[in-house]
Amino acid sequence: MILPRLPSDEQIQAFVDGQLDGRDLAAVTAYLLDHPEVACEVETLRRQNDALKQIGHEVLNEPIPERLRVVLGRPGRSGETADFRAGTGWVAARSRSWSV
């Protein structure tokens, strides 16, 4: 009898992140069904992942405070919200100007 191989850390993280499909997803799922102690640890990782995603979520759509607009050199507009996604907005423009 061949015992299923323990999934790698990368496979476990991809499973937690919902990035596995096909054969890898089936293999990790089968392993977790056969090893409830590992499944419990993976569930803890999933809950931590979900909790981390919620940190700061409540402030994403708040208007930029006036004191920060002054620092950023941006005029205030009613209802303006921050856009801090990678590659956009002020941060990306400043990064491009800093490159040599």
N, C-alpha and C. Protein backbone atom coordinates (compact mmCIF):
# COMPACT_ATOMS: atom_id res chain seq x y z
N MET A 1 0.84 -1.18 0.00
CA MET A 1 0.00 0.00 0.00
C MET A 1 0.88 1.24 0.00
N ILE A 2 0.63 2.16 -0.92
CA ILE A 2 1.39 3.40 -1.01
C ILE A 2 0.61 4.50 -0.29
N LEU A 3 1.27 5.12 0.68
CA LEU A 3 0.63 6.19 1.42
C LEU A 3 0.71 7.49 0.61
N PRO A 4 -0.36 8.29 0.66
CA PRO A 4 -0.30 9.56 -0.06
C PRO A 4 0.80 10.45 0.52
N ARG A 5 1.44 11.19 -0.34
CA ARG A 5 2.54 12.07 0.05
C ARG A 5 1.99 13.35 0.68
N LEU A 6 2.66 13.81 1.74
CA LEU A 6 2.30 15.06 2.39
C LEU A 6 2.44 16.20 1.38
N PRO A 7 1.40 17.02 1.23
CA PRO A 7 1.51 18.15 0.30
C PRO A 7 2.61 19.11 0.76
N SER A 8 3.26 19.75 -0.20
CA SER A 8 4.30 20.73 0.13
C SER A 8 3.66 21.98 0.74
N ASP A 9 4.49 22.80 1.37
CA ASP A 9 4.01 24.07 1.92
C ASP A 9 3.39 24.93 0.82
N GLU A 10 3.99 24.91 -0.36
CA GLU A 10 3.47 25.69 -1.48
C GLU A 10 2.09 25.20 -1.90
N GLN A 11 1.90 23.87 -1.93
CA GLN A 11 0.60 23.32 -2.29
C GLN A 11 -0.45 23.67 -1.24
N ILE A 12 -0.06 23.59 0.03
CA ILE A 12 -1.01 23.93 1.11
C ILE A 12 -1.41 25.39 1.00
N GLN A 13 -0.44 26.29 0.79
CA GLN A 13 -0.77 27.71 0.68
C GLN A 13 -1.63 27.97 -0.54
N ALA A 14 -1.33 27.33 -1.66
CA ALA A 14 -2.17 27.49 -2.86
C ALA A 14 -3.58 26.97 -2.60
N PHE A 15 -3.70 25.88 -1.85
CA PHE A 15 -5.01 25.33 -1.49
C PHE A 15 -5.78 26.35 -0.65
N VAL A 16 -5.11 26.91 0.36
CA VAL A 16 -5.74 27.90 1.24
C VAL A 16 -6.17 29.14 0.44
N ASP A 17 -5.36 29.52 -0.53
CA ASP A 17 -5.65 30.70 -1.35
C ASP A 17 -6.65 30.41 -2.47
N GLY A 18 -7.07 29.15 -2.62
CA GLY A 18 -8.02 28.81 -3.67
C GLY A 18 -7.39 28.81 -5.05
N GLN A 19 -6.10 28.53 -5.14
CA GLN A 19 -5.40 28.59 -6.41
C GLN A 19 -5.06 27.23 -7.00
N LEU A 20 -5.54 26.17 -6.39
CA LEU A 20 -5.28 24.83 -6.93
C LEU A 20 -6.45 24.40 -7.81
N ASP A 21 -6.15 23.62 -8.81
CA ASP A 21 -7.21 23.02 -9.61
C ASP A 21 -6.75 21.65 -10.09
N GLY A 22 -7.65 20.95 -10.68
CA GLY A 22 -7.33 19.66 -11.28
C GLY A 22 -6.74 18.65 -10.33
N ARG A 23 -5.68 18.01 -10.79
CA ARG A 23 -5.05 16.91 -10.06
C ARG A 23 -4.50 17.36 -8.71
N ASP A 24 -3.89 18.55 -8.64
CA ASP A 24 -3.33 19.04 -7.38
C ASP A 24 -4.42 19.25 -6.34
N LEU A 25 -5.52 19.84 -6.76
CA LEU A 25 -6.64 20.07 -5.84
C LEU A 25 -7.18 18.75 -5.33
N ALA A 26 -7.34 17.80 -6.21
CA ALA A 26 -7.85 16.48 -5.81
C ALA A 26 -6.89 15.79 -4.85
N ALA A 27 -5.59 15.89 -5.12
CA ALA A 27 -4.60 15.23 -4.27
C ALA A 27 -4.56 15.84 -2.87
N VAL A 28 -4.57 17.16 -2.79
CA VAL A 28 -4.53 17.82 -1.48
C VAL A 28 -5.83 17.55 -0.73
N THR A 29 -6.95 17.62 -1.40
CA THR A 29 -8.24 17.34 -0.76
C THR A 29 -8.29 15.92 -0.21
N ALA A 30 -7.83 14.96 -1.01
CA ALA A 30 -7.82 13.56 -0.57
C ALA A 30 -6.91 13.39 0.64
N TYR A 31 -5.76 14.03 0.61
CA TYR A 31 -4.83 13.93 1.73
C TYR A 31 -5.48 14.50 3.00
N LEU A 32 -6.12 15.64 2.88
CA LEU A 32 -6.74 16.27 4.05
C LEU A 32 -7.90 15.44 4.59
N LEU A 33 -8.63 14.77 3.70
CA LEU A 33 -9.72 13.89 4.16
C LEU A 33 -9.18 12.70 4.94
N ASP A 34 -8.00 12.23 4.56
CA ASP A 34 -7.39 11.09 5.24
C ASP A 34 -6.59 11.48 6.48
N HIS A 35 -6.31 12.77 6.64
CA HIS A 35 -5.48 13.26 7.75
C HIS A 35 -6.17 14.44 8.43
N PRO A 36 -7.15 14.17 9.27
CA PRO A 36 -7.93 15.26 9.88
C PRO A 36 -7.10 16.21 10.73
N GLU A 37 -5.99 15.73 11.30
CA GLU A 37 -5.15 16.62 12.11
C GLU A 37 -4.49 17.69 11.23
N VAL A 38 -4.08 17.30 10.03
CA VAL A 38 -3.51 18.26 9.08
C VAL A 38 -4.61 19.16 8.54
N ALA A 39 -5.78 18.59 8.29
CA ALA A 39 -6.93 19.38 7.82
C ALA A 39 -7.28 20.47 8.82
N CYS A 40 -7.17 20.17 10.11
CA CYS A 40 -7.44 21.15 11.15
C CYS A 40 -6.43 22.30 11.08
N GLU A 41 -5.18 21.98 10.87
CA GLU A 41 -4.13 23.00 10.74
C GLU A 41 -4.37 23.87 9.50
N VAL A 42 -4.77 23.23 8.41
CA VAL A 42 -5.04 23.97 7.17
C VAL A 42 -6.25 24.89 7.38
N GLU A 43 -7.25 24.42 8.09
CA GLU A 43 -8.41 25.27 8.37
C GLU A 43 -8.01 26.47 9.22
N THR A 44 -7.09 26.28 10.16
CA THR A 44 -6.58 27.40 10.95
C THR A 44 -5.88 28.41 10.04
N LEU A 45 -5.09 27.93 9.09
CA LEU A 45 -4.44 28.82 8.12
C LEU A 45 -5.47 29.59 7.31
N ARG A 46 -6.52 28.91 6.90
CA ARG A 46 -7.58 29.55 6.10
C ARG A 46 -8.24 30.66 6.91
N ARG A 47 -8.54 30.40 8.18
CA ARG A 47 -9.18 31.41 9.04
C ARG A 47 -8.24 32.60 9.26
N GLN A 48 -6.95 32.32 9.45
CA GLN A 48 -5.98 33.41 9.61
C GLN A 48 -5.90 34.24 8.34
N ASN A 49 -5.89 33.57 7.20
CA ASN A 49 -5.85 34.25 5.91
C ASN A 49 -7.06 35.17 5.76
N ASP A 50 -8.24 34.65 6.07
CA ASP A 50 -9.46 35.46 5.98
C ASP A 50 -9.41 36.65 6.92
N ALA A 51 -8.91 36.44 8.14
CA ALA A 51 -8.82 37.53 9.11
C ALA A 51 -7.85 38.60 8.63
N LEU A 52 -6.72 38.20 8.06
CA LEU A 52 -5.75 39.16 7.57
C LEU A 52 -6.31 39.99 6.41
N LYS A 53 -7.13 39.38 5.58
CA LYS A 53 -7.73 40.11 4.46
C LYS A 53 -8.68 41.19 4.94
N GLN A 54 -9.23 41.05 6.13
CA GLN A 54 -10.18 42.01 6.66
C GLN A 54 -9.53 43.19 7.38
N ILE A 55 -8.25 43.08 7.70
CA ILE A 55 -7.57 44.16 8.42
C ILE A 55 -7.54 45.42 7.55
N GLY A 56 -8.04 46.49 8.08
CA GLY A 56 -8.04 47.76 7.38
C GLY A 56 -9.11 47.89 6.32
N HIS A 57 -9.87 46.84 6.08
CA HIS A 57 -10.89 46.85 5.03
C HIS A 57 -11.92 47.96 5.22
N GLU A 58 -12.22 48.27 6.48
CA GLU A 58 -13.26 49.25 6.76
C GLU A 58 -12.86 50.68 6.37
N VAL A 59 -11.58 50.94 6.14
CA VAL A 59 -11.16 52.30 5.81
C VAL A 59 -10.84 52.50 4.33
N LEU A 60 -10.95 51.48 3.52
CA LEU A 60 -10.54 51.59 2.12
C LEU A 60 -11.33 52.64 1.34
N ASN A 61 -12.59 52.84 1.66
CA ASN A 61 -13.42 53.78 0.89
C ASN A 61 -13.66 55.09 1.61
N GLU A 62 -12.91 55.36 2.67
CA GLU A 62 -13.05 56.63 3.37
C GLU A 62 -12.35 57.72 2.59
N PRO A 63 -12.87 58.95 2.69
CA PRO A 63 -12.20 60.07 2.02
C PRO A 63 -10.79 60.27 2.56
N ILE A 64 -9.89 60.76 1.71
CA ILE A 64 -8.53 61.05 2.15
C ILE A 64 -8.58 62.28 3.04
N PRO A 65 -8.03 62.19 4.26
CA PRO A 65 -8.04 63.37 5.15
C PRO A 65 -7.27 64.53 4.53
N GLU A 66 -7.71 65.75 4.83
CA GLU A 66 -7.08 66.95 4.28
C GLU A 66 -5.58 66.99 4.54
N ARG A 67 -5.15 66.61 5.74
CA ARG A 67 -3.72 66.68 6.07
C ARG A 67 -2.90 65.76 5.16
N LEU A 68 -3.48 64.65 4.72
CA LEU A 68 -2.76 63.75 3.81
C LEU A 68 -2.80 64.26 2.38
N ARG A 69 -3.91 64.89 1.98
CA ARG A 69 -3.98 65.45 0.63
C ARG A 69 -2.93 66.54 0.46
N VAL A 70 -2.68 67.31 1.54
CA VAL A 70 -1.65 68.34 1.48
C VAL A 70 -0.28 67.69 1.28
N VAL A 71 0.00 66.63 2.03
CA VAL A 71 1.28 65.93 1.91
C VAL A 71 1.44 65.34 0.52
N LEU A 72 0.36 64.80 -0.01
CA LEU A 72 0.41 64.18 -1.34
C LEU A 72 0.41 65.21 -2.46
N GLY A 73 0.11 66.47 -2.12
CA GLY A 73 0.06 67.50 -3.14
C GLY A 73 -1.15 67.37 -4.03
N ARG A 74 -2.23 66.81 -3.48
CA ARG A 74 -3.45 66.61 -4.27
C ARG A 74 -4.52 67.57 -3.77
N PRO A 75 -5.19 68.24 -4.68
CA PRO A 75 -6.29 69.10 -4.25
C PRO A 75 -7.43 68.25 -3.69
N GLY A 76 -8.13 68.79 -2.73
CA GLY A 76 -9.25 68.06 -2.14
C GLY A 76 -10.47 68.11 -3.04
N ARG A 77 -11.14 66.99 -3.17
CA ARG A 77 -12.39 66.93 -3.92
C ARG A 77 -13.39 66.21 -3.04
N SER A 78 -14.57 66.68 -3.05
CA SER A 78 -15.61 66.07 -2.24
C SER A 78 -15.79 64.60 -2.60
N GLY A 79 -15.71 63.74 -1.59
CA GLY A 79 -15.93 62.32 -1.80
C GLY A 79 -14.74 61.58 -2.39
N GLU A 80 -13.58 62.24 -2.49
CA GLU A 80 -12.40 61.58 -3.05
C GLU A 80 -11.96 60.44 -2.13
N THR A 81 -11.62 59.31 -2.72
CA THR A 81 -11.16 58.17 -1.94
C THR A 81 -9.78 57.76 -2.42
N ALA A 82 -9.07 57.07 -1.57
CA ALA A 82 -7.72 56.63 -1.90
C ALA A 82 -7.75 55.46 -2.86
N ASP A 83 -6.75 55.41 -3.73
CA ASP A 83 -6.58 54.27 -4.62
C ASP A 83 -5.14 53.82 -4.48
N PHE A 84 -4.92 52.82 -3.63
CA PHE A 84 -3.57 52.38 -3.32
C PHE A 84 -3.22 51.06 -3.99
N ARG A 85 -3.93 50.69 -5.06
CA ARG A 85 -3.59 49.46 -5.76
C ARG A 85 -2.22 49.62 -6.41
N ALA A 86 -1.52 48.52 -6.51
CA ALA A 86 -0.18 48.55 -7.08
C ALA A 86 -0.23 49.07 -8.51
N GLY A 87 0.71 49.96 -8.81
CA GLY A 87 0.84 50.45 -10.18
C GLY A 87 -0.09 51.57 -10.54
N THR A 88 -0.85 52.12 -9.58
CA THR A 88 -1.77 53.20 -9.91
C THR A 88 -1.53 54.38 -9.00
N GLY A 89 -2.02 55.51 -9.43
CA GLY A 89 -2.07 56.68 -8.57
C GLY A 89 -0.73 57.30 -8.26
N TRP A 90 -0.72 58.06 -7.18
CA TRP A 90 0.41 58.86 -6.78
C TRP A 90 1.65 58.02 -6.53
N VAL A 91 1.51 56.91 -5.84
CA VAL A 91 2.67 56.08 -5.51
C VAL A 91 3.37 55.61 -6.78
N ALA A 92 2.62 55.17 -7.75
CA ALA A 92 3.23 54.68 -8.99
C ALA A 92 3.91 55.84 -9.74
N ALA A 93 3.28 57.00 -9.76
CA ALA A 93 3.86 58.14 -10.45
C ALA A 93 5.17 58.56 -9.78
N ARG A 94 5.20 58.59 -8.46
CA ARG A 94 6.42 58.95 -7.74
C ARG A 94 7.49 57.88 -7.97
N SER A 95 7.12 56.62 -7.97
CA SER A 95 8.09 55.55 -8.19
C SER A 95 8.74 55.68 -9.54
N ARG A 96 7.93 56.00 -10.56
CA ARG A 96 8.50 56.17 -11.90
C ARG A 96 9.47 57.34 -11.94
N SER A 97 9.16 58.42 -11.24
CA SER A 97 10.05 59.58 -11.27
C SER A 97 11.32 59.34 -10.49
N TRP A 98 11.33 58.39 -9.56
CA TRP A 98 12.52 58.07 -8.78
C TRP A 98 13.47 57.15 -9.53
N SER A 99 12.97 56.46 -10.53
CA SER A 99 13.85 55.52 -11.22
C SER A 99 14.87 56.29 -12.07
N VAL A 100 16.01 55.66 -12.24
CA VAL A 100 17.10 56.30 -12.98
C VAL A 100 17.11 55.91 -14.43
